[in-house]
Structure formats: C-alpha cells, structure tokens
Amino acid sequence: MKKKLTISFFVMITLAACNTKEASIYWTDRTDNQIQRLDDANVKYEIREGEIWVREN
C-alpha cells in the first residue's frame, strides 16, 4: 500500500512539473512608453503582432 502511495505521489509531482506553460493575457497595443513601463517593473511580456501580452501571474 505504501509503495502505491509513493508511486502516485511521484506521478502527481511529475505531471504538475510538466505544466510549465504560463497563460498570457492581452494588455495593450505596443508603444515605446508601455515597453519602458514593463521593463522598469521587471514584468515579463511578449509582443505578438503589435500587441503586448503579459503573463497572467
């Protein structure tokens, strides 16, 4: 029984670790001012087709 619990625990930890992709949400259109604000605040972001997307966290 203890062995099954241990295996289940490690499977759950492994599956949780594999889900590292963070969701992004649309923030605003790209401008130099907005990019500077995000850089100053150390916020991670992506630029997609002229739009700024920030991580949900």
Protein backbone atom coordinates (compact mmCIF):
# COMPACT_ATOMS: atom_id res chain seq x y z
CA MET A 1 0.00 0.00 0.00
CA LYS A 2 2.80 2.39 0.91
CA LYS A 3 4.52 1.69 -2.40
CA LYS A 4 1.37 2.59 -4.36
CA LEU A 5 1.05 5.86 -2.44
CA THR A 6 4.68 6.73 -3.12
CA ILE A 7 4.34 5.99 -6.84
CA SER A 8 1.11 8.01 -7.02
CA PHE A 9 2.80 10.93 -5.28
CA PHE A 10 5.71 10.95 -7.71
CA VAL A 11 3.40 10.69 -10.71
CA MET A 12 1.41 13.71 -9.46
CA ILE A 13 4.58 15.75 -8.87
CA THR A 14 5.90 14.85 -12.33
CA LEU A 15 2.66 15.81 -14.04
CA ALA A 16 2.50 19.11 -12.16
CA ALA A 17 6.09 19.93 -13.11
CA CYS A 18 5.37 19.31 -16.78
CA ASN A 19 2.74 22.05 -16.84
CA THR A 20 5.17 24.99 -17.04
CA LYS A 21 3.45 26.94 -19.82
CA GLU A 22 2.01 30.09 -18.32
CA ALA A 23 -1.05 31.74 -19.76
CA SER A 24 -0.71 35.22 -21.20
CA ILE A 25 -3.35 37.92 -21.37
CA TYR A 26 -3.64 40.88 -23.72
CA TRP A 27 -2.52 44.11 -22.08
CA THR A 28 -2.35 46.89 -24.70
CA ASP A 29 -1.03 47.85 -28.12
CA ARG A 30 2.73 48.18 -28.40
CA THR A 31 4.19 51.61 -27.70
CA ASP A 32 7.67 52.56 -26.53
CA ASN A 33 6.17 54.05 -23.34
CA GLN A 34 4.41 50.79 -22.45
CA ILE A 35 7.54 48.75 -23.13
CA GLN A 36 9.56 51.06 -20.88
CA ARG A 37 7.00 50.73 -18.07
CA LEU A 38 7.09 46.94 -18.27
CA ASP A 39 10.90 46.86 -18.37
CA ASP A 40 11.13 49.22 -15.37
CA ALA A 41 8.75 46.98 -13.40
CA ASN A 42 10.58 43.77 -14.47
CA VAL A 43 7.36 42.35 -15.93
CA LYS A 44 7.83 39.54 -18.44
CA TYR A 45 5.93 40.12 -21.67
CA GLU A 46 5.63 39.06 -25.29
CA ILE A 47 4.90 41.16 -28.36
CA ARG A 48 2.54 39.46 -30.81
CA GLU A 49 1.53 41.27 -33.98
CA GLY A 50 1.92 44.72 -32.43
CA GLU A 51 0.18 43.81 -29.17
CA ILE A 52 1.69 43.37 -25.73
CA TRP A 53 0.81 40.19 -23.87
CA VAL A 54 1.82 39.76 -20.21
CA ARG A 55 1.95 36.61 -18.15
CA GLU A 56 -1.17 36.02 -16.14
CA ASN A 57 0.70 35.77 -12.85
